[in-house]
Amino acid sequence: MIIQHSHVTLCSNFNIMFGLFKKKEKKKHQPLLADLNQEPLQEGDLVESLRYNLGKCRIISDEKGLVYESLETGKQVRWHLMVDAATDLQKVKKLSPDP
């Protein structure tokens, strides 16, 4: 038993010394601020929301970051909640401004 115990201790010391089984650092991934057609979005843009029944929205900025504000209901949704997981794009369509 003592031999097995020292073997386990040696293995764990070996792993610590040489960094085996070390946790890999996760890269922070920032989704693009672009609509489904890959058109870049910025504060002040008008978009048609495809989530949360917001309808037409304006992108505004508050103390915590960018928000979609519904022009019809006034409801606000943070931009990161509108990310499409499959494409990393926003679930919105950019609208051209009325002349």
Protein backbone atom coordinates (compact mmCIF):
# COMPACT_ATOMS: atom_id res chain seq x y z
CA MET A 1 0.00 0.00 0.00
CA ILE A 2 2.74 2.43 0.83
CA ILE A 3 4.32 1.92 -2.59
CA GLN A 4 1.02 2.65 -4.34
CA HIS A 5 0.50 5.76 -2.21
CA SER A 6 3.96 7.12 -3.00
CA HIS A 7 3.35 6.37 -6.68
CA VAL A 8 0.19 8.48 -6.61
CA THR A 9 2.09 11.26 -4.84
CA LEU A 10 4.88 11.10 -7.41
CA CYS A 11 2.36 11.28 -10.28
CA SER A 12 0.58 14.28 -8.80
CA ASN A 13 3.91 16.03 -8.12
CA PHE A 14 4.99 15.28 -11.69
CA ASN A 15 1.75 16.80 -13.03
CA ILE A 16 2.18 19.91 -10.92
CA MET A 17 5.85 20.35 -11.85
CA PHE A 18 5.36 19.97 -15.59
CA GLY A 19 1.93 21.57 -15.91
CA LEU A 20 0.10 18.54 -17.24
CA PHE A 21 -3.68 18.55 -16.96
CA LYS A 22 -3.63 22.30 -16.63
CA LYS A 23 -6.88 24.13 -17.29
CA LYS A 24 -6.85 25.86 -20.63
CA GLU A 25 -7.66 29.54 -20.62
CA LYS A 26 -10.94 30.35 -22.28
CA LYS A 27 -10.71 33.01 -24.91
CA LYS A 28 -13.24 35.74 -24.39
CA HIS A 29 -15.37 36.00 -27.47
CA GLN A 30 -17.11 39.25 -28.33
CA PRO A 31 -20.00 38.82 -30.80
CA LEU A 32 -20.16 41.23 -33.70
CA LEU A 33 -22.52 44.15 -33.56
CA ALA A 34 -23.97 43.46 -37.01
CA ASP A 35 -27.42 42.50 -38.29
CA LEU A 36 -28.32 39.19 -39.96
CA ASN A 37 -27.14 40.58 -43.30
CA GLN A 38 -23.77 41.43 -41.71
CA GLU A 39 -24.46 45.18 -41.91
CA PRO A 40 -22.57 46.91 -39.08
CA LEU A 41 -24.75 48.47 -36.38
CA GLN A 42 -24.10 51.48 -34.18
CA GLU A 43 -25.88 53.72 -31.72
CA GLY A 44 -28.79 55.57 -33.33
CA ASP A 45 -29.51 52.96 -36.02
CA LEU A 46 -33.10 51.85 -36.67
CA VAL A 47 -33.66 48.10 -36.83
CA GLU A 48 -36.48 45.57 -37.06
CA SER A 49 -36.22 43.16 -34.12
CA LEU A 50 -36.72 39.45 -34.77
CA ARG A 51 -36.99 38.62 -31.05
CA TYR A 52 -39.05 39.65 -28.03
CA ASN A 53 -41.83 41.24 -30.16
CA LEU A 54 -40.08 44.61 -30.10
CA GLY A 55 -40.93 45.61 -33.68
CA LYS A 56 -39.02 48.67 -34.87
CA CYS A 57 -36.24 49.68 -32.50
CA ARG A 58 -33.57 52.30 -32.10
CA ILE A 59 -30.15 51.38 -30.74
CA ILE A 60 -29.37 53.57 -27.76
CA SER A 61 -26.62 53.67 -25.15
CA ASP A 62 -27.07 53.78 -21.40
CA GLU A 63 -24.71 53.46 -18.44
CA LYS A 64 -24.39 49.68 -18.96
CA GLY A 65 -23.94 49.64 -22.74
CA LEU A 66 -26.03 49.31 -25.89
CA VAL A 67 -29.76 48.66 -25.74
CA TYR A 68 -32.50 48.08 -28.31
CA GLU A 69 -35.45 50.34 -27.44
CA SER A 70 -38.78 49.54 -29.07
CA LEU A 71 -40.34 52.56 -30.78
CA GLU A 72 -43.77 50.98 -30.34
CA THR A 73 -43.72 49.86 -26.69
CA GLY A 74 -40.66 51.54 -25.15
CA LYS A 75 -39.41 48.14 -23.94
CA GLN A 76 -35.63 47.87 -23.75
CA VAL A 77 -33.48 44.78 -24.38
CA ARG A 78 -29.70 44.58 -23.97
CA TRP A 79 -27.79 43.92 -27.19
CA HIS A 80 -26.17 40.68 -25.94
CA LEU A 81 -29.62 39.07 -25.58
CA MET A 82 -30.19 39.54 -29.31
CA VAL A 83 -27.14 37.48 -30.40
CA ASP A 84 -27.89 34.51 -32.64
CA ALA A 85 -25.77 31.69 -31.22
CA ALA A 86 -25.31 30.00 -34.60
CA THR A 87 -23.97 33.05 -36.43
CA ASP A 88 -22.84 35.46 -33.66
CA LEU A 89 -24.87 38.15 -35.44
CA GLN A 90 -27.70 40.20 -33.98
CA LYS A 91 -31.26 38.92 -34.56
CA VAL A 92 -32.27 42.21 -36.16
CA LYS A 93 -32.48 43.69 -39.64
CA LYS A 94 -31.10 47.17 -40.18
CA LEU A 95 -33.64 49.62 -41.61
CA SER A 96 -32.69 52.44 -43.92
CA PRO A 97 -33.50 55.85 -42.40
CA ASP A 98 -36.55 57.66 -43.78
CA PRO A 99 -35.57 60.70 -45.88
